Amino acid sequence: MRDDMHTCPVCAYQQLTDPPSDYAICPCCGVEFDYDDATKSHAQLRAEWIAAGLKWFSRATPPPQGWDGWRQLAQGGFVEESLTA
């Protein structure tokens, strides 16, 4: 992973090319920063993404090979590893 990558505070995707601000959109969870998180917390947006089935958002950016939303959340410290098994 490149050193200049950023992590999404909603889904823990670690390959954002832009900081999570200024209307950048996470290709993983689809959150548009400074828009979606202007009225909802990152925890609320995360819960909505989980409830919707942790689906990859972007059609232009494919998910990393072997991508797993639960594993990503666990590695980001948002859920316990035991919940992902």
PDB file of N, CA and C in Angstrom:
ATOM      1  N   MET A   1       0.845  -1.181   0.000  1.00  0.00           N
ATOM      2  CA  MET A   1       0.000   0.000   0.000  1.00  0.00           C
ATOM      3  C   MET A   1       0.892   1.247   0.000  1.00  0.00           C
ATOM      4  N   ARG A   2       0.479   2.241  -0.754  1.00  0.00           N
ATOM      5  CA  ARG A   2       1.245   3.490  -0.813  1.00  0.00           C
ATOM      6  C   ARG A   2       1.148   4.245   0.507  1.00  0.00           C
ATOM      7  N   ASP A   3       2.180   5.042   0.798  1.00  0.00           N
ATOM      8  CA  ASP A   3       2.217   5.825   2.034  1.00  0.00           C
ATOM      9  C   ASP A   3       1.220   6.972   2.041  1.00  0.00           C
ATOM     10  N   ASP A   4       0.792   7.431   0.873  1.00  0.00           N
ATOM     11  CA  ASP A   4      -0.084   8.589   0.801  1.00  0.00           C
ATOM     12  C   ASP A   4      -1.565   8.206   0.747  1.00  0.00           C
ATOM     13  N   MET A   5      -1.889   6.981   1.072  1.00  0.00           N
ATOM     14  CA  MET A   5      -3.280   6.537   1.098  1.00  0.00           C
ATOM     15  C   MET A   5      -3.929   6.933   2.416  1.00  0.00           C
ATOM     16  N   HIS A   6      -5.247   7.016   2.408  1.00  0.00           N
ATOM     17  CA  HIS A   6      -6.018   7.396   3.581  1.00  0.00           C
ATOM     18  C   HIS A   6      -7.016   6.294   3.902  1.00  0.00           C
ATOM     19  N   THR A   7      -7.482   6.274   5.140  1.00  0.00           N
ATOM     20  CA  THR A   7      -8.428   5.260   5.597  1.00  0.00           C
ATOM     21  C   THR A   7      -9.804   5.874   5.792  1.00  0.00           C
ATOM     22  N   CYS A   8     -10.820   5.183   5.336  1.00  0.00           N
ATOM     23  CA  CYS A   8     -12.203   5.633   5.509  1.00  0.00           C
ATOM     24  C   CYS A   8     -12.604   5.453   6.977  1.00  0.00           C
ATOM     25  N   PRO A   9     -13.097   6.512   7.609  1.00  0.00           N
ATOM     26  CA  PRO A   9     -13.515   6.402   9.011  1.00  0.00           C
ATOM     27  C   PRO A   9     -14.851   5.690   9.191  1.00  0.00           C
ATOM     28  N   VAL A  10     -15.492   5.339   8.098  1.00  0.00           N
ATOM     29  CA  VAL A  10     -16.772   4.636   8.166  1.00  0.00           C
ATOM     30  C   VAL A  10     -16.562   3.130   8.020  1.00  0.00           C
ATOM     31  N   CYS A  11     -15.864   2.717   6.958  1.00  0.00           N
ATOM     32  CA  CYS A  11     -15.750   1.290   6.663  1.00  0.00           C
ATOM     33  C   CYS A  11     -14.342   0.726   6.823  1.00  0.00           C
ATOM     34  N   ALA A  12     -13.366   1.567   7.139  1.00  0.00           N
ATOM     35  CA  ALA A  12     -11.968   1.171   7.343  1.00  0.00           C
ATOM     36  C   ALA A  12     -11.254   0.777   6.051  1.00  0.00           C
ATOM     37  N   TYR A  13     -11.808   1.151   4.894  1.00  0.00           N
ATOM     38  CA  TYR A  13     -11.103   0.928   3.629  1.00  0.00           C
ATOM     39  C   TYR A  13      -9.834   1.757   3.653  1.00  0.00           C
ATOM     40  N   GLN A  14      -8.686   1.124   3.394  1.00  0.00           N
ATOM     41  CA  GLN A  14      -7.395   1.779   3.592  1.00  0.00           C
ATOM     42  C   GLN A  14      -6.750   2.312   2.320  1.00  0.00           C
ATOM     43  N   GLN A  15      -7.486   2.360   1.228  1.00  0.00           N
ATOM     44  CA  GLN A  15      -6.854   2.781  -0.021  1.00  0.00           C
ATOM     45  C   GLN A  15      -7.523   4.005  -0.638  1.00  0.00           C
ATOM     46  N   LEU A  16      -8.007   4.918   0.214  1.00  0.00           N
ATOM     47  CA  LEU A  16      -8.556   6.163  -0.310  1.00  0.00           C
ATOM     48  C   LEU A  16      -7.408   6.995  -0.872  1.00  0.00           C
ATOM     49  N   THR A  17      -7.565   7.480  -2.094  1.00  0.00           N
ATOM     50  CA  THR A  17      -6.514   8.297  -2.691  1.00  0.00           C
ATOM     51  C   THR A  17      -6.580   9.740  -2.210  1.00  0.00           C
ATOM     52  N   ASP A  18      -7.730  10.159  -1.689  1.00  0.00           N
ATOM     53  CA  ASP A  18      -7.906  11.504  -1.145  1.00  0.00           C
ATOM     54  C   ASP A  18      -8.316  11.400   0.317  1.00  0.00           C
ATOM     55  N   PRO A  19      -8.014  12.419   1.118  1.00  0.00           N
ATOM     56  CA  PRO A  19      -8.474  12.409   2.511  1.00  0.00           C
ATOM     57  C   PRO A  19      -9.998  12.335   2.574  1.00  0.00           C
ATOM     58  N   PRO A  20     -10.540  11.779   3.649  1.00  0.00           N
ATOM     59  CA  PRO A  20     -12.006  11.683   3.781  1.00  0.00           C
ATOM     60  C   PRO A  20     -12.609  13.051   4.119  1.00  0.00           C
ATOM     61  N   SER A  21     -12.635  13.923   3.122  1.00  0.00           N
ATOM     62  CA  SER A  21     -13.176  15.273   3.270  1.00  0.00           C
ATOM     63  C   SER A  21     -13.428  15.849   1.879  1.00  0.00           C
ATOM     64  N   ASP A  22     -13.924  17.062   1.832  1.00  0.00           N
ATOM     65  CA  ASP A  22     -14.092  17.805   0.579  1.00  0.00           C
ATOM     66  C   ASP A  22     -14.860  17.038  -0.493  1.00  0.00           C
ATOM     67  N   TYR A  23     -15.897  16.350  -0.088  1.00  0.00           N
ATOM     68  CA  TYR A  23     -16.817  15.660  -0.996  1.00  0.00           C
ATOM     69  C   TYR A  23     -16.194  14.475  -1.726  1.00  0.00           C
ATOM     70  N   ALA A  24     -15.072  13.970  -1.222  1.00  0.00           N
ATOM     71  CA  ALA A  24     -14.512  12.729  -1.746  1.00  0.00           C
ATOM     72  C   ALA A  24     -15.479  11.602  -1.400  1.00  0.00           C
ATOM     73  N   ILE A  25     -15.543  10.594  -2.231  1.00  0.00           N
ATOM     74  CA  ILE A  25     -16.453   9.463  -2.026  1.00  0.00           C
ATOM     75  C   ILE A  25     -15.637   8.195  -1.836  1.00  0.00           C
ATOM     76  N   CYS A  26     -15.966   7.446  -0.795  1.00  0.00           N
ATOM     77  CA  CYS A  26     -15.304   6.173  -0.560  1.00  0.00           C
ATOM     78  C   CYS A  26     -15.827   5.155  -1.573  1.00  0.00           C
ATOM     79  N   PRO A  27     -14.946   4.527  -2.356  1.00  0.00           N
ATOM     80  CA  PRO A  27     -15.412   3.551  -3.325  1.00  0.00           C
ATOM     81  C   PRO A  27     -15.972   2.281  -2.680  1.00  0.00           C
ATOM     82  N   CYS A  28     -15.628   2.069  -1.430  1.00  0.00           N
ATOM     83  CA  CYS A  28     -16.080   0.871  -0.731  1.00  0.00           C
ATOM     84  C   CYS A  28     -17.507   1.029  -0.203  1.00  0.00           C
ATOM     85  N   CYS A  29     -17.705   1.981   0.703  1.00  0.00           N
ATOM     86  CA  CYS A  29     -19.022   2.127   1.341  1.00  0.00           C
ATOM     87  C   CYS A  29     -19.901   3.191   0.695  1.00  0.00           C
ATOM     88  N   GLY A  30     -19.316   4.050  -0.131  1.00  0.00           N
ATOM     89  CA  GLY A  30     -20.089   5.054  -0.841  1.00  0.00           C
ATOM     90  C   GLY A  30     -20.357   6.343  -0.087  1.00  0.00           C
ATOM     91  N   VAL A  31     -19.785   6.502   1.085  1.00  0.00           N
ATOM     92  CA  VAL A  31     -19.998   7.731   1.854  1.00  0.00           C
ATOM     93  C   VAL A  31     -19.330   8.896   1.129  1.00  0.00           C
ATOM     94  N   GLU A  32     -20.077   9.978   0.987  1.00  0.00           N
ATOM     95  CA  GLU A  32     -19.525  11.221   0.451  1.00  0.00           C
ATOM     96  C   GLU A  32     -19.212  12.119   1.646  1.00  0.00           C
ATOM     97  N   PHE A  33     -17.932  12.347   1.864  1.00  0.00           N
ATOM     98  CA  PHE A  33     -17.493  13.085   3.048  1.00  0.00           C
ATOM     99  C   PHE A  33     -17.835  14.568   2.931  1.00  0.00           C
ATOM    100  N   ASP A  34     -18.191  15.143   4.044  1.00  0.00           N
ATOM    101  CA  ASP A  34     -18.675  16.520   4.173  1.00  0.00           C
ATOM    102  C   ASP A  34     -20.076  16.687   3.596  1.00  0.00           C
ATOM    103  N   TYR A  35     -20.699  15.591   3.191  1.00  0.00           N
ATOM    104  CA  TYR A  35     -22.099  15.612   2.765  1.00  0.00           C
ATOM    105  C   TYR A  35     -22.879  14.613   3.611  1.00  0.00           C
ATOM    106  N   ASP A  36     -22.600  13.312   3.403  1.00  0.00           N
ATOM    107  CA  ASP A  36     -23.302  12.282   4.175  1.00  0.00           C
ATOM    108  C   ASP A  36     -23.001  12.396   5.663  1.00  0.00           C
ATOM    109  N   ASP A  37     -21.749  12.714   5.991  1.00  0.00           N
ATOM    110  CA  ASP A  37     -21.382  12.790   7.411  1.00  0.00           C
ATOM    111  C   ASP A  37     -21.609  14.183   8.008  1.00  0.00           C
ATOM    112  N   ALA A  38     -22.290  15.030   7.273  1.00  0.00           N
ATOM    113  CA  ALA A  38     -22.652  16.343   7.819  1.00  0.00           C
ATOM    114  C   ALA A  38     -23.851  16.228   8.758  1.00  0.00           C
ATOM    115  N   THR A  39     -24.680  15.218   8.540  1.00  0.00           N
ATOM    116  CA  THR A  39     -25.886  15.052   9.358  1.00  0.00           C
ATOM    117  C   THR A  39     -25.933  13.732  10.113  1.00  0.00           C
ATOM    118  N   LYS A  40     -24.997  12.818   9.814  1.00  0.00           N
ATOM    119  CA  LYS A  40     -24.951  11.522  10.489  1.00  0.00           C
ATOM    120  C   LYS A  40     -23.520  11.249  10.936  1.00  0.00           C
ATOM    121  N   SER A  41     -23.400  10.547  12.030  1.00  0.00           N
ATOM    122  CA  SER A  41     -22.057  10.190  12.513  1.00  0.00           C
ATOM    123  C   SER A  41     -21.491   9.059  11.661  1.00  0.00           C
ATOM    124  N   HIS A  42     -20.185   8.886  11.772  1.00  0.00           N
ATOM    125  CA  HIS A  42     -19.551   7.782  11.052  1.00  0.00           C
ATOM    126  C   HIS A  42     -20.100   6.446  11.546  1.00  0.00           C
ATOM    127  N   ALA A  43     -20.389   6.349  12.826  1.00  0.00           N
ATOM    128  CA  ALA A  43     -20.963   5.113  13.380  1.00  0.00           C
ATOM    129  C   ALA A  43     -22.346   4.851  12.788  1.00  0.00           C
ATOM    130  N   GLN A  44     -23.150   5.891  12.620  1.00  0.00           N
ATOM    131  CA  GLN A  44     -24.477   5.713  12.011  1.00  0.00           C
ATOM    132  C   GLN A  44     -24.346   5.270  10.552  1.00  0.00           C
ATOM    133  N   LEU A  45     -23.450   5.908   9.820  1.00  0.00           N
ATOM    134  CA  LEU A  45     -23.244   5.531   8.419  1.00  0.00           C
ATOM    135  C   LEU A  45     -22.715   4.109   8.307  1.00  0.00           C
ATOM    136  N   ARG A  46     -21.843   3.727   9.233  1.00  0.00           N
ATOM    137  CA  ARG A  46     -21.319   2.355   9.254  1.00  0.00           C
ATOM    138  C   ARG A  46     -22.444   1.363   9.498  1.00  0.00           C
ATOM    139  N   ALA A  47     -23.310   1.660  10.456  1.00  0.00           N
ATOM    140  CA  ALA A  47     -24.437   0.773  10.771  1.00  0.00           C
ATOM    141  C   ALA A  47     -25.358   0.631   9.557  1.00  0.00           C
ATOM    142  N   GLU A  48     -25.571   1.707   8.831  1.00  0.00           N
ATOM    143  CA  GLU A  48     -26.411   1.648   7.625  1.00  0.00           C
ATOM    144  C   GLU A  48     -25.755   0.787   6.548  1.00  0.00           C
ATOM    145  N   TRP A  49     -24.438   0.928   6.386  1.00  0.00           N
ATOM    146  CA  TRP A  49     -23.720   0.129   5.392  1.00  0.00           C
ATOM    147  C   TRP A  49     -23.783  -1.355   5.758  1.00  0.00           C
ATOM    148  N   ILE A  50     -23.620  -1.658   7.037  1.00  0.00           N
ATOM    149  CA  ILE A  50     -23.711  -3.044   7.504  1.00  0.00           C
ATOM    150  C   ILE A  50     -25.126  -3.580   7.270  1.00  0.00           C
ATOM    151  N   ALA A  51     -26.137  -2.793   7.637  1.00  0.00           N
ATOM    152  CA  ALA A  51     -27.527  -3.225   7.473  1.00  0.00           C
ATOM    153  C   ALA A  51     -27.878  -3.465   6.002  1.00  0.00           C
ATOM    154  N   ALA A  52     -27.217  -2.745   5.107  1.00  0.00           N
ATOM    155  CA  ALA A  52     -27.469  -2.911   3.669  1.00  0.00           C
ATOM    156  C   ALA A  52     -26.674  -4.078   3.078  1.00  0.00           C
ATOM    157  N   GLY A  53     -25.892  -4.766   3.901  1.00  0.00           N
ATOM    158  CA  GLY A  53     -25.197  -5.966   3.452  1.00  0.00           C
ATOM    159  C   GLY A  53     -23.735  -5.799   3.112  1.00  0.00           C
ATOM    160  N   LEU A  54     -23.106  -4.688   3.538  1.00  0.00           N
ATOM    161  CA  LEU A  54     -21.684  -4.449   3.300  1.00  0.00           C
ATOM    162  C   LEU A  54     -21.319  -4.624   1.829  1.00  0.00           C
ATOM    163  N   LYS A  55     -22.084  -4.018   0.962  1.00  0.00           N
ATOM    164  CA  LYS A  55     -21.853  -4.151  -0.475  1.00  0.00           C
ATOM    165  C   LYS A  55     -20.817  -3.137  -0.948  1.00  0.00           C
ATOM    166  N   TRP A  56     -19.973  -3.571  -1.880  1.00  0.00           N
ATOM    167  CA  TRP A  56     -19.006  -2.673  -2.492  1.00  0.00           C
ATOM    168  C   TRP A  56     -19.778  -1.649  -3.311  1.00  0.00           C
ATOM    169  N   PHE A  57     -19.469  -0.374  -3.142  1.00  0.00           N
ATOM    170  CA  PHE A  57     -20.237   0.711  -3.749  1.00  0.00           C
ATOM    171  C   PHE A  57     -19.857   1.017  -5.200  1.00  0.00           C
ATOM    172  N   SER A  58     -18.585   1.192  -5.471  1.00  0.00           N
ATOM    173  CA  SER A  58     -18.144   1.711  -6.764  1.00  0.00           C
ATOM    174  C   SER A  58     -18.246   0.699  -7.893  1.00  0.00           C
ATOM    175  N   ARG A  59     -18.737   1.192  -9.027  1.00  0.00           N
ATOM    176  CA  ARG A  59     -18.713   0.381 -10.241  1.00  0.00           C
ATOM    177  C   ARG A  59     -17.437   0.655 -11.030  1.00  0.00           C
ATOM    178  N   ALA A  60     -16.807   1.803 -10.770  1.00  0.00           N
ATOM    179  CA  ALA A  60     -15.591   2.194 -11.491  1.00  0.00           C
ATOM    180  C   ALA A  60     -14.324   1.630 -10.845  1.00  0.00           C
ATOM    181  N   THR A  61     -14.324   1.514  -9.526  1.00  0.00           N
ATOM    182  CA  THR A  61     -13.174   0.985  -8.794  1.00  0.00           C
ATOM    183  C   THR A  61     -13.538  -0.385  -8.255  1.00  0.00           C
ATOM    184  N   PRO A  62     -12.916  -1.436  -8.748  1.00  0.00           N
ATOM    185  CA  PRO A  62     -13.249  -2.771  -8.241  1.00  0.00           C
ATOM    186  C   PRO A  62     -12.694  -2.989  -6.841  1.00  0.00           C
ATOM    187  N   PRO A  63     -13.323  -3.877  -6.085  1.00  0.00           N
ATOM    188  CA  PRO A  63     -12.785  -4.193  -4.754  1.00  0.00           C
ATOM    189  C   PRO A  63     -11.450  -4.920  -4.890  1.00  0.00           C
ATOM    190  N   PRO A  64     -10.609  -4.815  -3.869  1.00  0.00           N
ATOM    191  CA  PRO A  64      -9.361  -5.582  -3.887  1.00  0.00           C
ATOM    192  C   PRO A  64      -9.665  -7.079  -3.966  1.00  0.00           C
ATOM    193  N   GLN A  65      -8.757  -7.814  -4.547  1.00  0.00           N
ATOM    194  CA  GLN A  65      -8.939  -9.259  -4.663  1.00  0.00           C
ATOM    195  C   GLN A  65      -9.137  -9.867  -3.284  1.00  0.00           C
ATOM    196  N   GLY A  66     -10.165 -10.693  -3.132  1.00  0.00           N
ATOM    197  CA  GLY A  66     -10.444 -11.354  -1.866  1.00  0.00           C
ATOM    198  C   GLY A  66     -11.092 -10.444  -0.840  1.00  0.00           C
ATOM    199  N   TRP A  67     -11.567  -9.276  -1.264  1.00  0.00           N
ATOM    200  CA  TRP A  67     -12.148  -8.292  -0.340  1.00  0.00           C
ATOM    201  C   TRP A  67     -13.304  -8.897   0.461  1.00  0.00           C
ATOM    202  N   ASP A  68     -13.331  -8.568   1.735  1.00  0.00           N
ATOM    203  CA  ASP A  68     -14.394  -9.004   2.646  1.00  0.00           C
ATOM    204  C   ASP A  68     -14.691  -7.845   3.591  1.00  0.00           C
ATOM    205  N   GLY A  69     -15.905  -7.326   3.530  1.00  0.00           N
ATOM    206  CA  GLY A  69     -16.284  -6.169   4.338  1.00  0.00           C
ATOM    207  C   GLY A  69     -16.150  -6.396   5.829  1.00  0.00           C
ATOM    208  N   TRP A  70     -16.556  -7.575   6.299  1.00  0.00           N
ATOM    209  CA  TRP A  70     -16.450  -7.863   7.736  1.00  0.00           C
ATOM    210  C   TRP A  70     -14.999  -7.881   8.181  1.00  0.00           C
ATOM    211  N   ARG A  71     -14.138  -8.512   7.379  1.00  0.00           N
ATOM    212  CA  ARG A  71     -12.720  -8.576   7.727  1.00  0.00           C
ATOM    213  C   ARG A  71     -12.120  -7.166   7.745  1.00  0.00           C
ATOM    214  N   GLN A  72     -12.514  -6.358   6.781  1.00  0.00           N
ATOM    215  CA  GLN A  72     -12.024  -4.982   6.730  1.00  0.00           C
ATOM    216  C   GLN A  72     -12.434  -4.201   7.972  1.00  0.00           C
ATOM    217  N   LEU A  73     -13.677  -4.345   8.386  1.00  0.00           N
ATOM    218  CA  LEU A  73     -14.147  -3.669   9.600  1.00  0.00           C
ATOM    219  C   LEU A  73     -13.385  -4.156  10.830  1.00  0.00           C
ATOM    220  N   ALA A  74     -13.145  -5.461  10.883  1.00  0.00           N
ATOM    221  CA  ALA A  74     -12.413  -6.021  12.024  1.00  0.00           C
ATOM    222  C   ALA A  74     -10.980  -5.508  12.049  1.00  0.00           C
ATOM    223  N   GLN A  75     -10.333  -5.491  10.902  1.00  0.00           N
ATOM    224  CA  GLN A  75      -8.953  -5.002  10.841  1.00  0.00           C
ATOM    225  C   GLN A  75      -8.881  -3.520  11.182  1.00  0.00           C
ATOM    226  N   GLY A  76      -9.964  -2.789  10.916  1.00  0.00           N
ATOM    227  CA  GLY A  76     -10.019  -1.373  11.255  1.00  0.00           C
ATOM    228  C   GLY A  76     -10.411  -1.115  12.692  1.00  0.00           C
ATOM    229  N   GLY A  77     -10.728  -2.190  13.433  1.00  0.00           N
ATOM    230  CA  GLY A  77     -11.070  -2.056  14.839  1.00  0.00           C
ATOM    231  C   GLY A  77     -12.532  -1.718  15.096  1.00  0.00           C
ATOM    232  N   PHE A  78     -13.382  -1.883  14.081  1.00  0.00           N
ATOM    233  CA  PHE A  78     -14.789  -1.537  14.234  1.00  0.00           C
ATOM    234  C   PHE A  78     -15.665  -2.693  14.699  1.00  0.00           C
ATOM    235  N   VAL A  79     -15.217  -3.912  14.498  1.00  0.00           N
ATOM    236  CA  VAL A  79     -15.939  -5.098  14.990  1.00  0.00           C
ATOM    237  C   VAL A  79     -14.902  -6.098  15.471  1.00  0.00           C
ATOM    238  N   GLU A  80     -15.323  -7.001  16.316  1.00  0.00           N
ATOM    239  CA  GLU A  80     -14.410  -8.036  16.806  1.00  0.00           C
ATOM    240  C   GLU A  80     -14.228  -9.098  15.736  1.00  0.00           C
ATOM    241  N   GLU A  81     -13.014  -9.612  15.631  1.00  0.00           N
ATOM    242  CA  GLU A  81     -12.713 -10.676  14.664  1.00  0.00           C
ATOM    243  C   GLU A  81     -13.659 -11.860  14.826  1.00  0.00           C
ATOM    244  N   SER A  82     -14.047 -12.176  16.062  1.00  0.00           N
ATOM    245  CA  SER A  82     -14.907 -13.333  16.302  1.00  0.00           C
ATOM    246  C   SER A  82     -16.278 -13.168  15.661  1.00  0.00           C
ATOM    247  N   LEU A  83     -16.709 -11.937  15.421  1.00  0.00           N
ATOM    248  CA  LEU A  83     -18.004 -11.707  14.787  1.00  0.00           C
ATOM    249  C   LEU A  83     -17.965 -11.917  13.298  1.00  0.00           C
ATOM    250  N   THR A  84     -16.781 -11.969  12.709  1.00  0.00           N
ATOM    251  CA  THR A  84     -16.655 -12.079  11.264  1.00  0.00           C
ATOM    252  C   THR A  84     -16.552 -13.516  10.795  1.00  0.00           C
ATOM    253  N   ALA A  85     -16.375 -14.448  11.698  1.00  0.00           N
ATOM    254  CA  ALA A  85     -16.178 -15.860  11.307  1.00  0.00           C
ATOM    255  C   ALA A  85     -17.497 -16.534  11.003  1.00  0.00           C
TER     256      ALA A  85
END
